[in-house]
Amino acid sequence: MRVLVVEDEKKLASFLRKGLVEESFVVDLVYDGSEAIDHILSGAYDAIVLDIMLPQRDGLSILREMRQRHINTPVLLLSARGNVNERVEGLNLGADDYLPKPFTRNELMEAVNSRLKKFENLTQALAARLVPKRDRLTQKFREKISGGDGTAALEETDPGTPTGKIAEASVLFSDIRNFTTYSERLTSDEIAELLNAYLQTACAPIIRCRGVVMKFIGDGVMALFESSHGEGGESHAQRAVRAGLAMQLAALEFREWVKRHHPSQSLPEFSIGVGIHSGEVLLCHVGTPGRRR
């Protein structure tokens, strides 16, 4: 994991670097606030150890800019033991924890590791809530629309051919317009509720048009429409276009859901984009035993 240490006291900075490196962290070290913000904006860090008192630019202003730019990297503030007001302000600005000076190596590692673990757990929990049990959800869509198990209309790749096959197909991708604004103005639970309600609306036309929901990518849906025998004159491309148009109509109706559930959030009018490409694709099973795609 990569950590940025921002500390102007050279001896303390060296102490911080040594302790983190000995725990197998990759450490970047800077000594002033102006250089720190350049590193934060250009680099990908798993955590930032940030002193409050810095030359050029103080740690609190750096933290404020990070959160305004929606950089959610865990931040551990270093502060003088008596500066209670600064610590409170830092936590209010979005710091994940603070460590009063002086501190021991064990206190440093405990603080860094606990912040990283908490951030990882929150990220995993949010991801699990956004698309819960997606395979079962897709199966329920198929059963509801087809009146059966929903598999008869879907042509499966032969599992006995691990190298797969080349086939003519159409791939559809759809996502929500202005989703970043929704993420900024709604809580994680509200985002999860919105996405799950929308995914039910978005996936139904895909399955009705004999498409296969391949994956969910955040607010995006990726679906495959494969050429099949007995299409009755309707090609995979036509089915994909029909599904895309139906998804656009469903999105117009979903606007009312958004307005009912979030009347005071000043959200952008709900809309989606749909892209479709037709051509040759490689169809095969990949993965490990018991979990293939």
Protein backbone atom coordinates (compact mmCIF):
# COMPACT_ATOMS: atom_id res chain seq x y z
CA MET A 1 0.00 0.00 0.00
CA ARG A 2 1.12 3.55 -0.74
CA VAL A 3 1.13 6.29 1.90
CA LEU A 4 1.87 10.00 1.56
CA VAL A 5 3.52 11.58 4.61
CA VAL A 6 3.32 15.39 4.85
CA GLU A 7 5.53 16.63 7.71
CA ASP A 8 7.95 19.57 7.81
CA GLU A 9 9.99 18.44 10.84
CA LYS A 10 12.76 16.44 9.19
CA LYS A 11 13.48 14.12 12.12
CA LEU A 12 9.82 13.32 12.65
CA ALA A 13 9.32 12.82 8.91
CA SER A 14 12.21 10.36 8.86
CA PHE A 15 10.72 8.55 11.87
CA LEU A 16 7.36 8.28 10.11
CA ARG A 17 8.88 6.98 6.90
CA LYS A 18 11.01 4.39 8.67
CA GLY A 19 8.10 3.04 10.68
CA LEU A 20 5.83 2.73 7.66
CA VAL A 21 8.49 1.21 5.39
CA GLU A 22 9.25 -1.43 8.03
CA GLU A 23 5.56 -2.40 7.84
CA SER A 24 5.88 -2.85 4.04
CA PHE A 25 4.22 0.43 3.05
CA VAL A 26 5.48 2.40 0.05
CA VAL A 27 6.05 5.93 1.35
CA ASP A 28 6.21 9.29 -0.43
CA LEU A 29 7.48 12.11 1.77
CA VAL A 30 6.96 15.87 1.30
CA TYR A 31 7.79 18.76 3.62
CA ASP A 32 5.40 21.60 2.72
CA GLY A 33 1.73 22.10 1.94
CA SER A 34 2.05 23.33 -1.65
CA GLU A 35 4.03 20.27 -2.68
CA ALA A 36 1.60 18.05 -0.78
CA ILE A 37 -1.50 19.07 -2.74
CA ASP A 38 0.34 18.47 -6.03
CA HIS A 39 1.16 14.93 -4.92
CA ILE A 40 -2.40 14.28 -3.74
CA LEU A 41 -3.92 15.41 -7.03
CA SER A 42 -1.46 13.49 -9.19
CA GLY A 43 -0.98 10.30 -7.16
CA ALA A 44 -3.12 7.42 -5.92
CA TYR A 45 -2.62 6.92 -2.19
CA ASP A 46 -4.19 4.44 0.20
CA ALA A 47 -3.70 6.81 3.14
CA ILE A 48 -2.28 10.26 3.94
CA VAL A 49 -0.49 11.21 7.16
CA LEU A 50 -0.92 14.97 7.30
CA ASP A 51 0.56 17.47 9.76
CA ILE A 52 -1.61 20.49 10.52
CA MET A 53 1.20 23.04 10.91
CA LEU A 54 3.05 23.25 7.58
CA PRO A 55 4.95 25.92 5.62
CA GLN A 56 3.35 27.37 2.46
CA ARG A 57 -0.04 25.85 3.22
CA ASP A 58 -1.52 24.32 6.39
CA GLY A 59 -2.91 20.83 6.66
CA LEU A 60 -6.51 21.93 7.29
CA SER A 61 -6.72 23.84 4.00
CA ILE A 62 -5.26 20.82 2.20
CA LEU A 63 -7.88 18.57 3.81
CA ARG A 64 -10.66 21.02 2.91
CA GLU A 65 -9.64 21.03 -0.75
CA MET A 66 -9.39 17.23 -0.82
CA ARG A 67 -12.94 16.78 0.40
CA GLN A 68 -14.26 19.53 -1.88
CA ARG A 69 -12.70 17.62 -4.79
CA HIS A 70 -14.28 14.39 -3.46
CA ILE A 71 -10.91 12.78 -2.77
CA ASN A 72 -11.94 10.34 -0.05
CA THR A 73 -8.52 8.91 0.79
CA PRO A 74 -8.25 8.26 4.57
CA VAL A 75 -6.42 11.11 6.30
CA LEU A 76 -4.62 10.82 9.64
CA LEU A 77 -3.96 14.28 11.08
CA LEU A 78 -0.88 14.99 13.19
CA SER A 79 -1.45 17.74 15.75
CA ALA A 80 0.16 19.21 18.84
CA ARG A 81 -1.35 17.69 21.96
CA GLY A 82 -2.92 20.92 23.18
CA ASN A 83 -4.56 22.03 19.91
CA VAL A 84 -8.05 20.71 20.61
CA ASN A 85 -9.82 23.23 18.38
CA GLU A 86 -7.65 22.31 15.39
CA ARG A 87 -8.37 18.62 15.90
CA VAL A 88 -12.11 19.25 16.09
CA GLU A 89 -12.00 21.39 12.95
CA GLY A 90 -10.01 18.69 11.16
CA LEU A 91 -12.52 15.99 12.02
CA ASN A 92 -15.37 18.26 10.91
CA LEU A 93 -13.58 18.78 7.57
CA GLY A 94 -13.43 15.04 7.00
CA ALA A 95 -10.27 13.76 8.69
CA ASP A 96 -10.57 10.10 9.60
CA ASP A 97 -8.49 10.29 12.77
CA TYR A 98 -5.83 12.36 14.52
CA LEU A 99 -2.64 11.52 16.37
CA PRO A 100 -1.37 13.97 19.00
CA LYS A 101 2.36 14.61 19.15
CA PRO A 102 4.51 13.09 20.48
CA PHE A 103 3.54 9.49 19.68
CA THR A 104 5.19 6.09 19.53
CA ARG A 105 5.74 3.87 16.52
CA ASN A 106 3.07 1.45 17.77
CA GLU A 107 0.53 4.28 18.12
CA LEU A 108 1.31 5.38 14.56
CA MET A 109 0.87 1.91 13.07
CA GLU A 110 -2.30 1.23 15.04
CA ALA A 111 -3.85 4.48 13.82
CA VAL A 112 -2.85 3.94 10.17
CA ASN A 113 -3.93 0.31 10.03
CA SER A 114 -7.25 0.93 11.78
CA ARG A 115 -8.13 3.73 9.32
CA LEU A 116 -7.23 1.57 6.32
CA LYS A 117 -9.27 -1.34 7.65
CA LYS A 118 -12.29 0.83 8.35
CA PHE A 119 -12.11 2.42 4.89
CA GLU A 120 -11.85 -1.01 3.25
CA ASN A 121 -14.83 -2.33 5.22
CA LEU A 122 -16.97 0.69 4.33
CA THR A 123 -16.07 0.38 0.65
CA GLN A 124 -16.92 -3.32 0.56
CA ALA A 125 -20.18 -2.79 2.44
CA LEU A 126 -21.29 -0.06 0.06
CA ALA A 127 -20.39 -2.15 -2.99
CA ALA A 128 -22.37 -5.08 -1.60
CA ARG A 129 -25.43 -2.89 -1.01
CA LEU A 130 -25.32 -1.29 -4.46
CA VAL A 131 -25.78 -4.58 -6.34
CA PRO A 132 -26.85 -7.28 -3.87
CA LYS A 133 -26.98 -10.89 -5.07
CA ARG A 134 -27.08 -9.83 -8.71
CA ASP A 135 -27.22 -13.36 -10.11
CA ARG A 136 -30.36 -14.15 -8.12
CA LEU A 137 -31.86 -10.78 -9.07
CA THR A 138 -31.33 -11.45 -12.78
CA GLN A 139 -32.85 -14.91 -12.42
CA LYS A 140 -35.95 -13.43 -10.78
CA PHE A 141 -36.32 -11.00 -13.72
CA ARG A 142 -36.22 -13.90 -16.16
CA GLU A 143 -38.77 -15.90 -14.21
CA LYS A 144 -41.16 -12.97 -13.90
CA ILE A 145 -41.07 -12.03 -17.57
CA SER A 146 -40.90 -15.48 -19.19
CA GLY A 147 -43.23 -17.28 -16.80
CA GLY A 148 -40.64 -20.02 -16.29
CA ASP A 149 -37.04 -20.33 -15.31
CA GLY A 150 -36.09 -17.80 -17.99
CA THR A 151 -33.30 -19.85 -19.50
CA ALA A 152 -35.03 -21.26 -22.57
CA ALA A 153 -34.73 -18.04 -24.54
CA LEU A 154 -31.04 -17.62 -23.79
CA GLU A 155 -28.46 -19.42 -25.87
CA GLU A 156 -25.64 -20.61 -23.61
CA THR A 157 -22.07 -21.06 -24.66
CA ASP A 158 -21.12 -24.74 -24.75
CA PRO A 159 -19.20 -25.37 -21.48
CA GLY A 160 -17.34 -28.16 -23.22
CA THR A 161 -15.50 -25.68 -25.41
CA PRO A 162 -13.27 -23.72 -23.00
CA THR A 163 -11.79 -21.68 -25.83
CA GLY A 164 -15.26 -20.37 -26.67
CA LYS A 165 -16.55 -19.34 -30.07
CA ILE A 166 -16.76 -16.33 -32.33
CA ALA A 167 -20.33 -15.15 -32.81
CA GLU A 168 -22.26 -12.22 -34.21
CA ALA A 169 -23.85 -10.26 -31.39
CA SER A 170 -24.80 -6.82 -30.11
CA VAL A 171 -23.50 -5.35 -26.87
CA LEU A 172 -25.55 -2.72 -25.04
CA PHE A 173 -24.20 -0.43 -22.36
CA SER A 174 -26.30 2.03 -20.39
CA ASP A 175 -25.57 4.38 -17.50
CA ILE A 176 -27.23 7.17 -15.54
CA ARG A 177 -26.55 10.74 -16.64
CA ASN A 178 -25.14 13.09 -13.95
CA PHE A 179 -24.70 10.19 -11.54
CA THR A 180 -21.82 12.02 -9.82
CA THR A 181 -24.28 14.70 -8.70
CA TYR A 182 -26.61 12.04 -7.30
CA SER A 183 -23.69 10.52 -5.39
CA GLU A 184 -22.78 13.91 -3.92
CA ARG A 185 -26.28 14.79 -2.72
CA LEU A 186 -27.58 11.42 -1.49
CA THR A 187 -26.37 9.20 1.32
CA SER A 188 -24.91 5.76 0.59
CA ASP A 189 -28.17 4.09 1.67
CA GLU A 190 -30.19 6.38 -0.59
CA ILE A 191 -27.84 5.65 -3.51
CA ALA A 192 -28.21 1.91 -2.89
CA GLU A 193 -32.00 2.20 -2.81
CA LEU A 194 -32.07 4.28 -6.00
CA LEU A 195 -29.75 1.94 -7.92
CA ASN A 196 -31.60 -1.20 -6.96
CA ALA A 197 -34.96 0.33 -7.91
CA TYR A 198 -33.50 1.58 -11.20
CA LEU A 199 -31.79 -1.74 -12.04
CA GLN A 200 -35.10 -3.57 -11.79
CA THR A 201 -36.56 -1.05 -14.24
CA ALA A 202 -33.55 -1.15 -16.57
CA CYS A 203 -33.02 -4.90 -16.74
CA ALA A 204 -36.60 -5.93 -17.45
CA PRO A 205 -36.58 -4.68 -21.10
CA ILE A 206 -33.23 -6.39 -21.70
CA ILE A 207 -34.51 -9.78 -20.59
CA ARG A 208 -37.83 -9.27 -22.37
CA CYS A 209 -35.88 -8.78 -25.61
CA ARG A 210 -33.90 -11.98 -24.94
CA GLY A 211 -30.74 -10.26 -23.84
CA VAL A 212 -28.38 -11.41 -21.13
CA VAL A 213 -27.35 -9.02 -18.35
CA MET A 214 -23.58 -9.56 -18.28
CA LYS A 215 -22.59 -7.22 -15.47
CA PHE A 216 -23.37 -4.13 -13.42
CA ILE A 217 -20.62 -1.48 -13.33
CA GLY A 218 -21.61 1.04 -10.69
CA ASP A 219 -24.62 2.76 -12.26
CA GLY A 220 -23.97 1.06 -15.61
CA VAL A 221 -25.55 -2.04 -17.12
CA MET A 222 -23.84 -4.17 -19.76
CA ALA A 223 -25.96 -6.65 -21.77
CA LEU A 224 -25.38 -9.09 -24.61
CA PHE A 225 -27.78 -9.89 -27.44
CA GLU A 226 -26.58 -13.00 -29.25
CA SER A 227 -27.69 -14.19 -32.65
CA SER A 228 -29.92 -17.24 -32.22
CA HIS A 229 -31.80 -19.65 -34.41
CA GLY A 230 -35.45 -18.97 -34.94
CA GLU A 231 -35.30 -15.24 -34.33
CA GLY A 232 -38.41 -14.82 -36.45
CA GLY A 233 -36.83 -12.22 -38.70
CA GLU A 234 -35.67 -10.01 -35.80
CA SER A 235 -31.88 -9.78 -35.54
CA HIS A 236 -29.81 -9.42 -32.38
CA ALA A 237 -29.19 -5.78 -33.33
CA GLN A 238 -32.91 -5.08 -33.64
CA ARG A 239 -33.56 -6.70 -30.27
CA ALA A 240 -30.82 -4.58 -28.70
CA VAL A 241 -32.25 -1.38 -30.18
CA ARG A 242 -35.74 -2.33 -29.01
CA ALA A 243 -34.40 -2.94 -25.51
CA GLY A 244 -32.53 0.37 -25.53
CA LEU A 245 -35.65 2.30 -26.55
CA ALA A 246 -37.66 0.55 -23.87
CA MET A 247 -35.02 1.43 -21.29
CA GLN A 248 -35.25 5.10 -22.28
CA LEU A 249 -39.03 5.03 -21.84
CA ALA A 250 -38.64 3.27 -18.50
CA ALA A 251 -36.16 5.95 -17.40
CA LEU A 252 -38.73 8.66 -18.16
CA GLU A 253 -41.19 6.89 -15.88
CA PHE A 254 -38.49 6.41 -13.22
CA ARG A 255 -38.24 10.19 -12.91
CA GLU A 256 -41.44 10.09 -10.88
CA TRP A 257 -39.88 7.58 -8.48
CA VAL A 258 -36.94 9.94 -7.93
CA LYS A 259 -39.22 12.93 -7.36
CA ARG A 260 -41.36 11.01 -4.85
CA HIS A 261 -38.43 9.69 -2.85
CA HIS A 262 -36.19 12.79 -2.94
CA PRO A 263 -38.43 15.85 -3.37
CA SER A 264 -36.10 18.29 -1.60
CA GLN A 265 -32.66 17.25 -2.89
CA SER A 266 -32.56 19.44 -6.04
CA LEU A 267 -31.42 16.48 -8.12
CA PRO A 268 -30.90 16.64 -11.90
CA GLU A 269 -33.78 15.30 -13.95
CA PHE A 270 -33.28 11.55 -14.17
CA SER A 271 -32.10 10.30 -17.56
CA ILE A 272 -29.88 7.60 -19.01
CA GLY A 273 -27.59 7.10 -21.97
CA VAL A 274 -27.58 3.95 -24.10
CA GLY A 275 -24.85 2.79 -26.47
CA ILE A 276 -25.04 -0.27 -28.75
CA HIS A 277 -22.37 -1.95 -30.85
CA SER A 278 -22.87 -4.91 -33.20
CA GLY A 279 -20.18 -7.17 -34.55
CA GLU A 280 -18.12 -10.25 -33.77
CA VAL A 281 -17.58 -11.20 -30.14
CA LEU A 282 -15.77 -14.03 -28.39
CA LEU A 283 -18.13 -16.05 -26.20
CA CYS A 284 -16.50 -18.25 -23.59
CA HIS A 285 -16.60 -19.20 -19.93
CA VAL A 286 -13.86 -17.68 -17.78
CA GLY A 287 -13.21 -17.88 -14.07
CA THR A 288 -12.66 -20.61 -11.53
CA PRO A 289 -14.61 -23.80 -10.82
CA GLY A 290 -17.94 -22.85 -9.28
CA ARG A 291 -17.71 -19.22 -10.38
CA ARG A 292 -17.67 -18.60 -14.10
CA ARG A 293 -18.77 -15.90 -16.53
